[in-house]
Amino acid sequence: VRALIVIGGNPVVAFPDQDKMTRAIDGLELLVSIDVNAES
């Protein structure tokens, strides 16, 4: 997986192993977040 579209969610907070999920998110070629909260 090289691109992720997140719809109304917060995987960095919701998923297990926060550090691992953060590394995975930061390594993507494209991350799109649909969210009303830019500070999530």
All heavy atoms as atom14 arrays in JSON, in Angstrom:
{
  "sequence": "VRALIVIGGNPVVAFPDQDKMTRAIDGLELLVSIDVNAES",
  "atom14_mask": [
    [1, 1, 1, 1, 1, 1, 1, 0, 0, 0, 0, 0, 0, 0],
    [1, 1, 1, 1, 1, 1, 1, 1, 1, 1, 1, 0, 0, 0],
    [1, 1, 1, 1, 1, 0, 0, 0, 0, 0, 0, 0, 0, 0],
    [1, 1, 1, 1, 1, 1, 1, 1, 0, 0, 0, 0, 0, 0],
    [1, 1, 1, 1, 1, 1, 1, 1, 0, 0, 0, 0, 0, 0],
    [1, 1, 1, 1, 1, 1, 1, 0, 0, 0, 0, 0, 0, 0],
    [1, 1, 1, 1, 1, 1, 1, 1, 0, 0, 0, 0, 0, 0],
    [1, 1, 1, 1, 0, 0, 0, 0, 0, 0, 0, 0, 0, 0],
    [1, 1, 1, 1, 0, 0, 0, 0, 0, 0, 0, 0, 0, 0],
    [1, 1, 1, 1, 1, 1, 1, 1, 0, 0, 0, 0, 0, 0],
    [1, 1, 1, 1, 1, 1, 1, 0, 0, 0, 0, 0, 0, 0],
    [1, 1, 1, 1, 1, 1, 1, 0, 0, 0, 0, 0, 0, 0],
    [1, 1, 1, 1, 1, 1, 1, 0, 0, 0, 0, 0, 0, 0],
    [1, 1, 1, 1, 1, 0, 0, 0, 0, 0, 0, 0, 0, 0],
    [1, 1, 1, 1, 1, 1, 1, 1, 1, 1, 1, 0, 0, 0],
    [1, 1, 1, 1, 1, 1, 1, 0, 0, 0, 0, 0, 0, 0],
    [1, 1, 1, 1, 1, 1, 1, 1, 0, 0, 0, 0, 0, 0],
    [1, 1, 1, 1, 1, 1, 1, 1, 1, 0, 0, 0, 0, 0],
    [1, 1, 1, 1, 1, 1, 1, 1, 0, 0, 0, 0, 0, 0],
    [1, 1, 1, 1, 1, 1, 1, 1, 1, 0, 0, 0, 0, 0],
    [1, 1, 1, 1, 1, 1, 1, 1, 0, 0, 0, 0, 0, 0],
    [1, 1, 1, 1, 1, 1, 1, 0, 0, 0, 0, 0, 0, 0],
    [1, 1, 1, 1, 1, 1, 1, 1, 1, 1, 1, 0, 0, 0],
    [1, 1, 1, 1, 1, 0, 0, 0, 0, 0, 0, 0, 0, 0],
    [1, 1, 1, 1, 1, 1, 1, 1, 0, 0, 0, 0, 0, 0],
    [1, 1, 1, 1, 1, 1, 1, 1, 0, 0, 0, 0, 0, 0],
    [1, 1, 1, 1, 0, 0, 0, 0, 0, 0, 0, 0, 0, 0],
    [1, 1, 1, 1, 1, 1, 1, 1, 0, 0, 0, 0, 0, 0],
    [1, 1, 1, 1, 1, 1, 1, 1, 1, 0, 0, 0, 0, 0],
    [1, 1, 1, 1, 1, 1, 1, 1, 0, 0, 0, 0, 0, 0],
    [1, 1, 1, 1, 1, 1, 1, 1, 0, 0, 0, 0, 0, 0],
    [1, 1, 1, 1, 1, 1, 1, 0, 0, 0, 0, 0, 0, 0],
    [1, 1, 1, 1, 1, 1, 0, 0, 0, 0, 0, 0, 0, 0],
    [1, 1, 1, 1, 1, 1, 1, 1, 0, 0, 0, 0, 0, 0],
    [1, 1, 1, 1, 1, 1, 1, 1, 0, 0, 0, 0, 0, 0],
    [1, 1, 1, 1, 1, 1, 1, 0, 0, 0, 0, 0, 0, 0],
    [1, 1, 1, 1, 1, 1, 1, 1, 0, 0, 0, 0, 0, 0],
    [1, 1, 1, 1, 1, 0, 0, 0, 0, 0, 0, 0, 0, 0],
    [1, 1, 1, 1, 1, 1, 1, 1, 1, 0, 0, 0, 0, 0],
    [1, 1, 1, 1, 1, 1, 0, 0, 0, 0, 0, 0, 0, 0]
  ],
  "atom14_positions": [
    [[0.85, -1.19, 0.0], [0.0, 0.0, 0.0], [0.88, 1.24, 0.0], [1.72, 1.42, 0.89], [-0.95, 0.0, 1.21], [-1.66, 1.35, 1.34], [-1.98, -1.12, 1.09], [0.0, 0.0, 0.0], [0.0, 0.0, 0.0], [0.0, 0.0, 0.0], [0.0, 0.0, 0.0], [0.0, 0.0, 0.0], [0.0, 0.0, 0.0], [0.0, 0.0, 0.0]],
    [[0.68, 2.09, -1.0], [1.49, 3.29, -1.16], [0.66, 4.58, -1.05], [1.23, 5.67, -0.91], [2.2, 3.25, -2.51], [3.13, 2.06, -2.64], [3.6, 1.84, -4.07], [4.37, 0.61, -4.19], [5.69, 0.52, -4.0], [6.38, 1.61, -3.67], [6.32, -0.63, -4.12], [0.0, 0.0, 0.0], [0.0, 0.0, 0.0], [0.0, 0.0, 0.0]],
    [[-0.68, 4.43, -1.1], [-1.57, 5.59, -0.98], [-2.73, 5.2, -0.09], [-3.27, 4.1, -0.19], [-2.07, 6.04, -2.35], [0.0, 0.0, 0.0], [0.0, 0.0, 0.0], [0.0, 0.0, 0.0], [0.0, 0.0, 0.0], [0.0, 0.0, 0.0], [0.0, 0.0, 0.0], [0.0, 0.0, 0.0], [0.0, 0.0, 0.0], [0.0, 0.0, 0.0]],
    [[-3.12, 6.12, 0.78], [-4.22, 5.86, 1.71], [-5.15, 7.06, 1.73], [-4.72, 8.2, 1.88], [-3.68, 5.6, 3.12], [-4.71, 5.44, 4.25], [-5.58, 4.21, 4.02], [-4.01, 5.35, 5.61], [0.0, 0.0, 0.0], [0.0, 0.0, 0.0], [0.0, 0.0, 0.0], [0.0, 0.0, 0.0], [0.0, 0.0, 0.0], [0.0, 0.0, 0.0]],
    [[-6.45, 6.77, 1.58], [-7.49, 7.78, 1.74], [-8.23, 7.47, 3.04], [-8.77, 6.38, 3.21], [-8.47, 7.77, 0.56], [-7.74, 8.04, -0.75], [-9.58, 8.8, 0.78], [-8.62, 7.88, -1.99], [0.0, 0.0, 0.0], [0.0, 0.0, 0.0], [0.0, 0.0, 0.0], [0.0, 0.0, 0.0], [0.0, 0.0, 0.0], [0.0, 0.0, 0.0]],
    [[-8.23, 8.42, 3.97], [-8.87, 8.26, 5.27], [-10.13, 9.11, 5.28], [-10.07, 10.33, 5.09], [-7.93, 8.66, 6.42], [-8.66, 8.56, 7.76], [-6.68, 7.8, 6.42], [0.0, 0.0, 0.0], [0.0, 0.0, 0.0], [0.0, 0.0, 0.0], [0.0, 0.0, 0.0], [0.0, 0.0, 0.0], [0.0, 0.0, 0.0], [0.0, 0.0, 0.0]],
    [[-11.27, 8.48, 5.53], [-12.55, 9.18, 5.53], [-13.07, 9.23, 6.96], [-13.48, 8.21, 7.53], [-13.57, 8.46, 4.63], [-12.99, 8.23, 3.23], [-14.88, 9.25, 4.56], [-13.82, 7.29, 2.39], [0.0, 0.0, 0.0], [0.0, 0.0, 0.0], [0.0, 0.0, 0.0], [0.0, 0.0, 0.0], [0.0, 0.0, 0.0], [0.0, 0.0, 0.0]],
    [[-13.04, 10.4, 7.56], [-13.61, 10.57, 8.89], [-13.02, 9.66, 9.94], [-13.72, 9.17, 10.81], [0.0, 0.0, 0.0], [0.0, 0.0, 0.0], [0.0, 0.0, 0.0], [0.0, 0.0, 0.0], [0.0, 0.0, 0.0], [0.0, 0.0, 0.0], [0.0, 0.0, 0.0], [0.0, 0.0, 0.0], [0.0, 0.0, 0.0], [0.0, 0.0, 0.0]],
    [[-11.73, 9.44, 9.87], [-11.07, 8.55, 10.82], [-9.72, 9.09, 11.25], [-9.24, 10.11, 10.73], [0.0, 0.0, 0.0], [0.0, 0.0, 0.0], [0.0, 0.0, 0.0], [0.0, 0.0, 0.0], [0.0, 0.0, 0.0], [0.0, 0.0, 0.0], [0.0, 0.0, 0.0], [0.0, 0.0, 0.0], [0.0, 0.0, 0.0], [0.0, 0.0, 0.0]],
    [[-9.09, 8.38, 12.19], [-7.83, 8.84, 12.76], [-6.96, 7.63, 13.09], [-6.77, 7.29, 14.26], [-8.12, 9.66, 14.03], [-6.94, 10.48, 14.5], [-5.86, 10.44, 13.91], [-7.14, 11.22, 15.57], [0.0, 0.0, 0.0], [0.0, 0.0, 0.0], [0.0, 0.0, 0.0], [0.0, 0.0, 0.0], [0.0, 0.0, 0.0], [0.0, 0.0, 0.0]],
    [[-6.44, 6.93, 12.08], [-5.7, 5.69, 12.32], [-4.52, 5.83, 13.27], [-4.21, 4.88, 14.01], [-5.23, 5.28, 10.92], [-6.16, 5.95, 9.99], [-6.57, 7.23, 10.65], [0.0, 0.0, 0.0], [0.0, 0.0, 0.0], [0.0, 0.0, 0.0], [0.0, 0.0, 0.0], [0.0, 0.0, 0.0], [0.0, 0.0, 0.0], [0.0, 0.0, 0.0]],
    [[-3.86, 6.97, 13.28], [-2.71, 7.15, 14.16], [-3.12, 6.98, 15.62], [-2.34, 6.5, 16.44], [-2.05, 8.51, 13.91], [-1.02, 8.83, 14.99], [-1.39, 8.54, 12.54], [0.0, 0.0, 0.0], [0.0, 0.0, 0.0], [0.0, 0.0, 0.0], [0.0, 0.0, 0.0], [0.0, 0.0, 0.0], [0.0, 0.0, 0.0], [0.0, 0.0, 0.0]],
    [[-4.33, 7.36, 15.95], [-4.82, 7.24, 17.31], [-5.62, 5.96, 17.53], [-5.56, 5.35, 18.59], [-5.69, 8.48, 17.66], [-6.44, 8.28, 18.96], [-4.82, 9.72, 17.76], [0.0, 0.0, 0.0], [0.0, 0.0, 0.0], [0.0, 0.0, 0.0], [0.0, 0.0, 0.0], [0.0, 0.0, 0.0], [0.0, 0.0, 0.0], [0.0, 0.0, 0.0]],
    [[-6.36, 5.52, 16.52], [-7.3, 4.42, 16.7], [-6.68, 3.04, 16.58], [-7.16, 2.09, 17.2], [-8.44, 4.54, 15.69], [0.0, 0.0, 0.0], [0.0, 0.0, 0.0], [0.0, 0.0, 0.0], [0.0, 0.0, 0.0], [0.0, 0.0, 0.0], [0.0, 0.0, 0.0], [0.0, 0.0, 0.0], [0.0, 0.0, 0.0], [0.0, 0.0, 0.0]],
    [[-5.62, 2.9, 15.78], [-5.08, 1.57, 15.48], [-4.07, 1.13, 16.53], [-3.45, 1.95, 17.19], [-4.4, 1.57, 14.11], [-5.34, 1.49, 12.94], [-6.43, 2.33, 12.83], [-5.12, 0.58, 11.92], [-7.29, 2.27, 11.74], [-5.96, 0.5, 10.83], [-7.06, 1.35, 10.74], [0.0, 0.0, 0.0], [0.0, 0.0, 0.0], [0.0, 0.0, 0.0]],
    [[-3.87, -0.18, 16.69], [-2.84, -0.68, 17.61], [-1.45, -0.25, 17.19], [-1.2, 0.04, 16.02], [-2.99, -2.21, 17.49], [-4.35, -2.44, 16.94], [-4.64, -1.27, 16.05], [0.0, 0.0, 0.0], [0.0, 0.0, 0.0], [0.0, 0.0, 0.0], [0.0, 0.0, 0.0], [0.0, 0.0, 0.0], [0.0, 0.0, 0.0], [0.0, 0.0, 0.0]],
    [[-0.54, -0.25, 18.16], [0.88, 0.05, 17.95], [1.04, 1.4, 17.26], [1.37, 1.49, 16.07], [1.56, -1.06, 17.16], [3.08, -0.99, 17.27], [3.6, 0.1, 17.58], [3.75, -2.01, 17.03], [0.0, 0.0, 0.0], [0.0, 0.0, 0.0], [0.0, 0.0, 0.0], [0.0, 0.0, 0.0], [0.0, 0.0, 0.0], [0.0, 0.0, 0.0]],
    [[0.83, 2.45, 18.04], [0.82, 3.8, 17.48], [2.11, 4.16, 16.77], [2.08, 4.79, 15.7], [0.53, 4.8, 18.6], [0.3, 6.21, 18.12], [-0.17, 7.1, 19.23], [0.62, 7.5, 20.09], [-1.46, 7.42, 19.24], [0.0, 0.0, 0.0], [0.0, 0.0, 0.0], [0.0, 0.0, 0.0], [0.0, 0.0, 0.0], [0.0, 0.0, 0.0]],
    [[3.24, 3.78, 17.32], [4.51, 4.13, 16.68], [4.63, 3.47, 15.31], [5.1, 4.08, 14.35], [5.69, 3.72, 17.57], [5.83, 4.62, 18.79], [5.29, 5.75, 18.77], [6.46, 4.19, 19.77], [0.0, 0.0, 0.0], [0.0, 0.0, 0.0], [0.0, 0.0, 0.0], [0.0, 0.0, 0.0], [0.0, 0.0, 0.0], [0.0, 0.0, 0.0]],
    [[4.22, 2.21, 15.23], [4.29, 1.5, 13.95], [3.36, 2.12, 12.92], [3.74, 2.34, 11.76], [3.95, 0.03, 14.16], [4.05, -0.83, 12.93], [3.75, -2.28, 13.31], [3.89, -3.22, 12.15], [3.6, -4.63, 12.55], [0.0, 0.0, 0.0], [0.0, 0.0, 0.0], [0.0, 0.0, 0.0], [0.0, 0.0, 0.0], [0.0, 0.0, 0.0]],
    [[2.12, 2.43, 13.34], [1.18, 3.05, 12.41], [1.69, 4.42, 11.96], [1.55, 4.8, 10.79], [-0.19, 3.18, 13.06], [-1.23, 3.91, 12.19], [-1.44, 3.24, 10.51], [-2.32, 1.73, 10.87], [0.0, 0.0, 0.0], [0.0, 0.0, 0.0], [0.0, 0.0, 0.0], [0.0, 0.0, 0.0], [0.0, 0.0, 0.0], [0.0, 0.0, 0.0]],
    [[2.33, 5.16, 12.86], [2.88, 6.46, 12.5], [3.98, 6.31, 11.45], [4.04, 7.06, 10.47], [3.4, 7.19, 13.74], [2.35, 7.33, 14.69], [3.93, 8.56, 13.39], [0.0, 0.0, 0.0], [0.0, 0.0, 0.0], [0.0, 0.0, 0.0], [0.0, 0.0, 0.0], [0.0, 0.0, 0.0], [0.0, 0.0, 0.0], [0.0, 0.0, 0.0]],
    [[4.86, 5.33, 11.65], [5.91, 5.08, 10.66], [5.3, 4.72, 9.31], [5.77, 5.18, 8.25], [6.83, 3.95, 11.11], [7.7, 4.26, 12.3], [8.85, 3.26, 12.42], [8.43, 1.86, 12.33], [8.0, 1.13, 13.35], [7.9, 1.69, 14.56], [7.66, -0.14, 13.19], [0.0, 0.0, 0.0], [0.0, 0.0, 0.0], [0.0, 0.0, 0.0]],
    [[4.27, 3.9, 9.34], [3.63, 3.47, 8.1], [2.98, 4.65, 7.38], [3.13, 4.82, 6.17], [2.6, 2.39, 8.4], [0.0, 0.0, 0.0], [0.0, 0.0, 0.0], [0.0, 0.0, 0.0], [0.0, 0.0, 0.0], [0.0, 0.0, 0.0], [0.0, 0.0, 0.0], [0.0, 0.0, 0.0], [0.0, 0.0, 0.0], [0.0, 0.0, 0.0]],
    [[2.27, 5.47, 8.15], [1.62, 6.66, 7.57], [2.66, 7.6, 6.97], [2.5, 8.12, 5.86], [0.8, 7.39, 8.67], [-0.45, 6.59, 9.05], [0.45, 8.8, 8.25], [-1.61, 6.72, 8.12], [0.0, 0.0, 0.0], [0.0, 0.0, 0.0], [0.0, 0.0, 0.0], [0.0, 0.0, 0.0], [0.0, 0.0, 0.0], [0.0, 0.0, 0.0]],
    [[3.73, 7.83, 7.72], [4.75, 8.78, 7.27], [5.51, 8.27, 6.03], [6.11, 9.07, 5.31], [5.74, 9.06, 8.4], [5.13, 9.91, 9.51], [4.06, 10.49, 9.29], [5.73, 9.97, 10.6], [0.0, 0.0, 0.0], [0.0, 0.0, 0.0], [0.0, 0.0, 0.0], [0.0, 0.0, 0.0], [0.0, 0.0, 0.0], [0.0, 0.0, 0.0]],
    [[5.49, 6.97, 5.79], [6.2, 6.4, 4.65], [5.4, 6.33, 3.37], [5.92, 5.88, 2.34], [0.0, 0.0, 0.0], [0.0, 0.0, 0.0], [0.0, 0.0, 0.0], [0.0, 0.0, 0.0], [0.0, 0.0, 0.0], [0.0, 0.0, 0.0], [0.0, 0.0, 0.0], [0.0, 0.0, 0.0], [0.0, 0.0, 0.0], [0.0, 0.0, 0.0]],
    [[4.14, 6.76, 3.4], [3.29, 6.68, 2.22], [3.72, 7.68, 1.15], [4.28, 8.74, 1.45], [1.84, 6.97, 2.6], [1.1, 5.89, 3.39], [-0.22, 6.45, 3.94], [0.83, 4.66, 2.53], [0.0, 0.0, 0.0], [0.0, 0.0, 0.0], [0.0, 0.0, 0.0], [0.0, 0.0, 0.0], [0.0, 0.0, 0.0], [0.0, 0.0, 0.0]],
    [[3.43, 7.34, -0.1], [3.62, 8.3, -1.19], [2.5, 9.34, -1.2], [2.71, 10.47, -1.63], [3.65, 7.57, -2.54], [4.84, 6.65, -2.72], [4.83, 5.94, -4.06], [4.24, 6.5, -5.03], [5.38, 4.83, -4.15], [0.0, 0.0, 0.0], [0.0, 0.0, 0.0], [0.0, 0.0, 0.0], [0.0, 0.0, 0.0], [0.0, 0.0, 0.0]],
    [[1.31, 8.94, -0.72], [0.17, 9.85, -0.74], [-0.76, 9.52, 0.41], [-1.2, 8.38, 0.55], [-0.6, 9.74, -2.06], [-1.88, 10.56, -2.18], [-1.56, 12.06, -2.16], [-2.65, 10.19, -3.44], [0.0, 0.0, 0.0], [0.0, 0.0, 0.0], [0.0, 0.0, 0.0], [0.0, 0.0, 0.0], [0.0, 0.0, 0.0], [0.0, 0.0, 0.0]],
    [[-1.04, 10.51, 1.25], [-2.04, 10.38, 2.31], [-3.06, 11.5, 2.15], [-2.71, 12.68, 2.15], [-1.39, 10.47, 3.7], [-2.37, 10.5, 4.89], [-3.2, 9.23, 4.95], [-1.63, 10.71, 6.2], [0.0, 0.0, 0.0], [0.0, 0.0, 0.0], [0.0, 0.0, 0.0], [0.0, 0.0, 0.0], [0.0, 0.0, 0.0], [0.0, 0.0, 0.0]],
    [[-4.32, 11.1, 2.0], [-5.43, 12.04, 1.89], [-6.33, 11.84, 3.1], [-6.78, 10.72, 3.36], [-6.24, 11.82, 0.6], [-7.42, 12.79, 0.53], [-5.34, 11.95, -0.62], [0.0, 0.0, 0.0], [0.0, 0.0, 0.0], [0.0, 0.0, 0.0], [0.0, 0.0, 0.0], [0.0, 0.0, 0.0], [0.0, 0.0, 0.0], [0.0, 0.0, 0.0]],
    [[-6.58, 12.9, 3.84], [-7.44, 12.83, 5.01], [-8.67, 13.7, 4.78], [-8.53, 14.91, 4.53], [-6.69, 13.3, 6.26], [-7.53, 13.31, 7.39], [0.0, 0.0, 0.0], [0.0, 0.0, 0.0], [0.0, 0.0, 0.0], [0.0, 0.0, 0.0], [0.0, 0.0, 0.0], [0.0, 0.0, 0.0], [0.0, 0.0, 0.0], [0.0, 0.0, 0.0]],
    [[-9.85, 13.11, 4.82], [-11.1, 13.86, 4.74], [-11.56, 14.08, 6.17], [-11.98, 13.15, 6.85], [-12.16, 13.11, 3.93], [-11.63, 12.78, 2.53], [-13.45, 13.92, 3.84], [-12.58, 11.93, 1.69], [0.0, 0.0, 0.0], [0.0, 0.0, 0.0], [0.0, 0.0, 0.0], [0.0, 0.0, 0.0], [0.0, 0.0, 0.0], [0.0, 0.0, 0.0]],
    [[-11.48, 15.32, 6.65], [-11.67, 15.57, 8.08], [-12.01, 17.04, 8.29], [-11.5, 17.91, 7.59], [-10.38, 15.22, 8.85], [-10.63, 14.88, 10.31], [-11.54, 15.49, 10.92], [-9.92, 14.03, 10.85], [0.0, 0.0, 0.0], [0.0, 0.0, 0.0], [0.0, 0.0, 0.0], [0.0, 0.0, 0.0], [0.0, 0.0, 0.0], [0.0, 0.0, 0.0]],
    [[-12.86, 17.29, 9.29], [-13.16, 18.68, 9.67], [-12.15, 19.21, 10.66], [-12.16, 20.4, 10.98], [-14.58, 18.79, 10.28], [-15.63, 18.39, 9.27], [-14.71, 17.97, 11.56], [0.0, 0.0, 0.0], [0.0, 0.0, 0.0], [0.0, 0.0, 0.0], [0.0, 0.0, 0.0], [0.0, 0.0, 0.0], [0.0, 0.0, 0.0], [0.0, 0.0, 0.0]],
    [[-11.27, 18.35, 11.16], [-10.31, 18.74, 12.19], [-8.89, 18.59, 11.64], [-8.36, 17.48, 11.56], [-10.49, 17.86, 13.44], [-9.49, 18.19, 14.53], [-8.83, 19.23, 14.5], [-9.38, 17.3, 15.51], [0.0, 0.0, 0.0], [0.0, 0.0, 0.0], [0.0, 0.0, 0.0], [0.0, 0.0, 0.0], [0.0, 0.0, 0.0], [0.0, 0.0, 0.0]],
    [[-8.28, 19.71, 11.28], [-6.93, 19.68, 10.71], [-5.88, 19.33, 11.74], [-4.73, 19.05, 11.39], [-6.6, 21.03, 10.09], [0.0, 0.0, 0.0], [0.0, 0.0, 0.0], [0.0, 0.0, 0.0], [0.0, 0.0, 0.0], [0.0, 0.0, 0.0], [0.0, 0.0, 0.0], [0.0, 0.0, 0.0], [0.0, 0.0, 0.0], [0.0, 0.0, 0.0]],
    [[-6.26, 19.32, 13.04], [-5.3, 19.05, 14.1], [-5.32, 17.6, 14.56], [-4.63, 17.25, 15.52], [-5.57, 19.97, 15.29], [-5.33, 21.44, 15.0], [-3.89, 21.69, 14.56], [-2.96, 21.2, 15.24], [-3.7, 22.37, 13.55], [0.0, 0.0, 0.0], [0.0, 0.0, 0.0], [0.0, 0.0, 0.0], [0.0, 0.0, 0.0], [0.0, 0.0, 0.0]],
    [[-6.12, 16.74, 13.92], [-6.09, 15.34, 14.32], [-4.71, 14.76, 14.02], [-4.0, 15.23, 13.11], [-7.17, 14.54, 13.59], [-6.74, 14.12, 12.31], [0.0, 0.0, 0.0], [0.0, 0.0, 0.0], [0.0, 0.0, 0.0], [0.0, 0.0, 0.0], [0.0, 0.0, 0.0], [0.0, 0.0, 0.0], [0.0, 0.0, 0.0], [0.0, 0.0, 0.0]]
  ]
}
